[in-house]
């Protein structure tokens, strides 16, 4: 298993629960969800949390996922954590690459599809 500690940053708790259930079905990785992007950035910057991989939503209040990703990439201590943009919002692959995201995945609504996506990544 490549990734042992997964962080999902998403303001939608239902989406996080759906994601967690799919993750637990295909992996033994530890999972944490944070719903506030500003809090997530602070915890990452302070090394309170140390994920191996971040799944990041785009549409969030207070700070968008794009803004958060830009902030992560500015900080020496956390810029190398791979970030997968995981959102219903359309983002071009070129924008994801420009922001140094590992990948862009559109959130599936089908549980088995999500499990398959996670199997491929993990």
Protein backbone atom coordinates (compact mmCIF):
# COMPACT_ATOMS: atom_id res chain seq x y z
CA UNK A 1 0.00 0.00 0.00
CA UNK A 2 1.51 3.30 -1.14
CA UNK A 3 -0.53 5.54 1.12
CA UNK A 4 -1.19 4.84 4.80
CA UNK A 5 -2.65 8.19 5.95
CA UNK A 6 -5.37 9.78 3.84
CA UNK A 7 -6.71 13.28 4.44
CA UNK A 8 -9.86 14.50 2.76
CA UNK A 9 -10.55 18.23 2.82
CA UNK A 10 -14.17 18.76 1.89
CA UNK A 11 -16.91 20.87 3.47
CA UNK A 12 -19.61 18.29 2.65
CA UNK A 13 -19.78 15.76 5.50
CA UNK A 14 -22.03 13.42 3.48
CA UNK A 15 -19.42 13.25 0.72
CA UNK A 16 -16.76 12.53 3.33
CA UNK A 17 -18.81 9.70 4.84
CA UNK A 18 -19.40 8.20 1.38
CA UNK A 19 -15.66 8.47 0.63
CA UNK A 20 -14.69 6.93 4.00
CA UNK A 21 -16.99 3.94 3.47
CA UNK A 22 -15.50 3.28 0.02
CA UNK A 23 -11.96 3.71 1.34
CA UNK A 24 -12.57 1.26 4.20
CA UNK A 25 -13.93 -1.27 1.70
CA UNK A 26 -10.68 -1.31 -0.29
CA UNK A 27 -7.90 -0.23 2.08
CA UNK A 28 -6.61 -0.29 5.64
CA UNK A 29 -5.28 3.28 5.35
CA UNK A 30 -6.03 5.67 8.20
CA UNK A 31 -8.57 8.32 7.21
CA UNK A 32 -9.24 11.83 8.44
CA UNK A 33 -11.66 14.42 7.12
CA UNK A 34 -11.45 18.15 7.72
CA UNK A 35 -14.34 20.35 6.64
CA UNK A 36 -12.70 23.76 7.08
CA UNK A 37 -9.90 24.50 4.58
CA UNK A 38 -8.32 27.18 6.76
CA UNK A 39 -8.16 24.80 9.71
CA UNK A 40 -6.72 22.10 7.42
CA UNK A 41 -3.96 24.42 6.21
CA UNK A 42 -3.07 25.38 9.77
CA UNK A 43 -2.94 21.76 10.97
CA UNK A 44 -0.80 20.79 7.98
CA UNK A 45 1.56 23.74 8.41
CA UNK A 46 1.92 23.05 12.15
CA UNK A 47 2.59 19.35 11.47
CA UNK A 48 -0.39 18.38 13.64
CA UNK A 49 -1.40 16.02 10.85
CA UNK A 50 0.91 14.26 8.40
CA UNK A 51 -1.03 12.69 5.55
CA UNK A 52 0.61 10.70 2.77
CA UNK A 53 -2.10 11.83 0.34
CA UNK A 54 -4.72 14.59 0.30
CA UNK A 55 -8.06 14.49 -1.52
CA UNK A 56 -9.18 18.09 -1.98
CA UNK A 57 -12.59 19.49 -2.91
CA UNK A 58 -12.74 22.70 -4.98
CA UNK A 59 -15.99 24.37 -3.90
CA UNK A 60 -15.68 25.28 -0.22
CA UNK A 61 -16.55 28.38 1.78
CA UNK A 62 -13.83 30.56 3.33
CA UNK A 63 -11.13 29.29 0.94
CA UNK A 64 -11.52 27.38 -2.31
CA UNK A 65 -9.65 24.17 -2.94
CA UNK A 66 -7.60 25.93 -5.62
CA UNK A 67 -6.56 28.62 -3.12
CA UNK A 68 -5.74 25.97 -0.53
CA UNK A 69 -3.67 23.97 -3.00
CA UNK A 70 -1.71 27.11 -3.92
CA UNK A 71 -1.03 27.74 -0.21
CA UNK A 72 0.09 24.15 0.35
CA UNK A 73 2.52 24.36 -2.57
CA UNK A 74 4.05 27.59 -1.16
CA UNK A 75 5.04 25.94 2.12
CA UNK A 76 8.29 24.02 2.18
CA UNK A 77 7.25 21.54 4.88
CA UNK A 78 4.06 20.37 3.15
CA UNK A 79 4.48 21.15 -0.55
CA UNK A 80 5.54 17.60 -1.41
CA UNK A 81 2.38 15.92 -0.08
CA UNK A 82 0.54 14.62 -3.16
CA UNK A 83 -2.84 16.30 -3.64
CA UNK A 84 -5.64 14.87 -5.75
CA UNK A 85 -8.36 17.33 -6.64
CA UNK A 86 -11.56 15.40 -5.91
CA UNK A 87 -14.56 17.49 -6.80
CA UNK A 88 -17.81 17.78 -8.70
CA UNK A 89 -16.57 21.13 -9.99
CA UNK A 90 -15.09 21.04 -13.46
CA UNK A 91 -11.38 21.78 -13.47
CA UNK A 92 -9.24 21.36 -16.51
CA UNK A 93 -6.39 18.88 -16.31
CA UNK A 94 -4.05 21.67 -17.37
CA UNK A 95 -5.07 23.78 -14.34
CA UNK A 96 -4.56 20.80 -12.05
CA UNK A 97 -1.06 20.27 -13.48
CA UNK A 98 -0.28 23.98 -13.31
CA UNK A 99 -1.09 23.89 -9.59
CA UNK A 100 1.04 20.75 -9.23
CA UNK A 101 -1.86 18.49 -8.30
CA UNK A 102 -1.15 14.78 -8.62
CA UNK A 103 -4.46 14.23 -10.38
CA UNK A 104 -8.01 15.49 -10.89
CA UNK A 105 -10.91 13.13 -10.28
CA UNK A 106 -14.59 13.94 -10.67
CA UNK A 107 -16.55 12.67 -7.67
CA UNK A 108 -18.57 9.65 -8.72
CA UNK A 109 -22.07 9.13 -7.37
CA UNK A 110 -21.77 5.35 -7.66
CA UNK A 111 -20.22 3.54 -4.66
CA UNK A 112 -18.58 0.78 -6.73
CA UNK A 113 -17.09 3.32 -9.11
CA UNK A 114 -15.56 5.19 -6.15
CA UNK A 115 -14.16 1.93 -4.76
CA UNK A 116 -12.56 1.18 -8.14
CA UNK A 117 -11.04 4.67 -8.33
CA UNK A 118 -9.60 4.29 -4.84
CA UNK A 119 -8.23 0.81 -5.61
CA UNK A 120 -6.39 2.25 -8.62
CA UNK A 121 -4.89 5.10 -6.60
CA UNK A 122 -3.97 3.17 -3.49
